[in-house]
Protein backbone atom coordinates (compact mmCIF):
# COMPACT_ATOMS: atom_id res chain seq x y z
CA UNK A 1 37.12 -147.69 -28.84
CA UNK A 2 40.45 -148.24 -27.10
CA UNK A 3 40.64 -149.58 -23.57
CA UNK A 4 43.27 -148.75 -21.00
CA UNK A 5 43.19 -152.12 -19.28
CA UNK A 6 43.21 -155.49 -21.03
CA UNK A 7 42.26 -158.98 -19.82
CA UNK A 8 45.06 -161.19 -18.58
CA UNK A 9 45.22 -164.05 -21.06
CA UNK A 10 47.25 -166.33 -18.79
CA UNK A 11 44.61 -166.22 -16.06
CA UNK A 12 41.60 -168.09 -17.52
CA UNK A 13 39.48 -167.60 -14.41
CA UNK A 14 39.73 -163.83 -14.72
CA UNK A 15 38.72 -163.52 -18.37
CA UNK A 16 35.04 -162.95 -17.59
CA UNK A 17 35.76 -160.55 -14.69
CA UNK A 18 37.78 -158.00 -16.60
CA UNK A 19 36.76 -154.33 -16.46
CA UNK A 20 38.05 -151.94 -19.07
CA UNK A 21 38.01 -148.17 -19.16
CA UNK A 22 38.13 -145.96 -22.21
CA UNK A 23 40.68 -143.17 -22.37
CA UNK A 24 37.85 -140.64 -22.08
CA UNK A 25 36.67 -142.28 -18.87
CA UNK A 26 40.21 -142.23 -17.49
CA UNK A 27 40.54 -138.52 -18.36
CA UNK A 28 37.27 -137.78 -16.60
CA UNK A 29 38.34 -139.74 -13.52
CA UNK A 30 41.67 -137.91 -13.45
CA UNK A 31 39.93 -134.54 -13.68
CA UNK A 32 37.55 -135.45 -10.87
CA UNK A 33 40.41 -136.55 -8.61
CA UNK A 34 42.41 -133.43 -9.48
CA UNK A 35 39.51 -131.11 -8.60
CA UNK A 36 38.96 -132.89 -5.28
CA UNK A 37 42.65 -132.66 -4.42
CA UNK A 38 42.78 -128.98 -5.36
CA UNK A 39 39.78 -128.26 -3.10
CA UNK A 40 41.47 -130.07 -0.22
CA UNK A 41 44.69 -128.18 -0.96
CA UNK A 42 42.83 -124.86 -0.77
CA UNK A 43 41.26 -125.83 2.58
CA UNK A 44 44.63 -126.89 3.94
CA UNK A 45 46.21 -123.63 2.73
CA UNK A 46 43.58 -121.60 4.63
CA UNK A 47 44.22 -123.60 7.79
CA UNK A 48 47.97 -123.23 7.34
CA UNK A 49 47.67 -119.45 6.90
CA UNK A 50 45.50 -119.22 10.03
CA UNK A 51 47.99 -121.02 12.26
CA UNK A 52 50.96 -119.32 10.63
CA UNK A 53 49.54 -115.89 11.45
CA UNK A 54 49.08 -116.96 15.09
CA UNK A 55 52.68 -118.22 15.12
CA UNK A 56 54.03 -114.99 13.61
CA UNK A 57 52.23 -112.87 16.19
CA UNK A 58 53.93 -114.91 18.88
CA UNK A 59 50.80 -116.03 20.69
CA UNK A 60 50.78 -119.67 19.56
CA UNK A 61 50.44 -122.32 22.21
CA UNK A 62 52.33 -125.60 22.00
CA UNK A 63 49.21 -127.26 20.62
CA UNK A 64 48.83 -124.61 17.91
CA UNK A 65 52.48 -124.97 16.96
CA UNK A 66 52.01 -128.73 16.62
CA UNK A 67 48.94 -128.18 14.46
CA UNK A 68 50.91 -125.74 12.30
CA UNK A 69 53.67 -128.31 11.81
CA UNK A 70 51.18 -131.05 10.87
CA UNK A 71 49.21 -128.79 8.54
CA UNK A 72 52.42 -127.64 6.86
CA UNK A 73 53.40 -131.26 6.19
CA UNK A 74 49.92 -132.04 4.85
CA UNK A 75 49.99 -128.96 2.63
CA UNK A 76 53.38 -129.91 1.16
CA UNK A 77 52.26 -133.51 0.57
CA UNK A 78 49.03 -132.42 -1.13
CA UNK A 79 50.88 -129.87 -3.24
CA UNK A 80 53.33 -132.53 -4.43
CA UNK A 81 50.47 -134.94 -5.13
CA UNK A 82 48.57 -132.38 -7.22
CA UNK A 83 51.73 -131.51 -9.12
CA UNK A 84 52.52 -135.19 -9.82
CA UNK A 85 48.94 -135.93 -10.88
CA UNK A 86 48.97 -133.01 -13.33
CA UNK A 87 52.24 -134.28 -14.82
CA UNK A 88 50.78 -137.78 -15.12
CA UNK A 89 47.65 -136.50 -16.87
CA UNK A 90 49.75 -134.46 -19.30
CA UNK A 91 52.01 -137.45 -19.95
CA UNK A 92 49.06 -139.75 -20.67
CA UNK A 93 47.62 -137.21 -23.12
CA UNK A 94 50.97 -136.93 -24.90
CA UNK A 95 51.27 -140.70 -25.18
CA UNK A 96 47.88 -140.99 -26.86
CA UNK A 97 48.54 -138.20 -29.34
CA UNK A 98 51.47 -139.22 -31.57
CA UNK A 99 51.57 -135.74 -33.14
CA UNK A 100 52.49 -134.26 -29.75
CA UNK A 101 55.49 -136.58 -29.46
CA UNK A 102 56.70 -135.58 -32.93
CA UNK A 103 56.39 -131.89 -32.07
CA UNK A 104 58.47 -132.33 -28.91
CA UNK A 105 61.15 -134.28 -30.77
CA UNK A 106 61.49 -131.43 -33.28
CA UNK A 107 61.99 -128.81 -30.55
C-alpha cells in the first residue's frame, strides 16, 4: 500500500504523529470535494440566473444589482476552482499510472 504523505525524518518529535493516506483515500476525498463544489456551483448558477433576469428586465434595484455582481464573482470563482480541481485530480491519476505518461509522450 502506497501512502501519499510520509513522516518527516528530521523531526523526531513528529515521527509518532504522522498520518498517511492511501491514493484510494485521496481519490475518494477529491471526489467528495468535487461533488460538494459542483452542488454549490449549481446553486450559485440558479441565483445568478434569477438576478440576471431581473437585471435584464430593467427592474433591478441597487441592492439587487449589488447581489448580482457578488453572485457573478462567486460563480466565476467556484467555476475556476472546480476546473482546477478536476485538472489536479486528472494530473494525480496520470502521475500514478506510468502507462498514461508513456501514451501521452507517444502522441
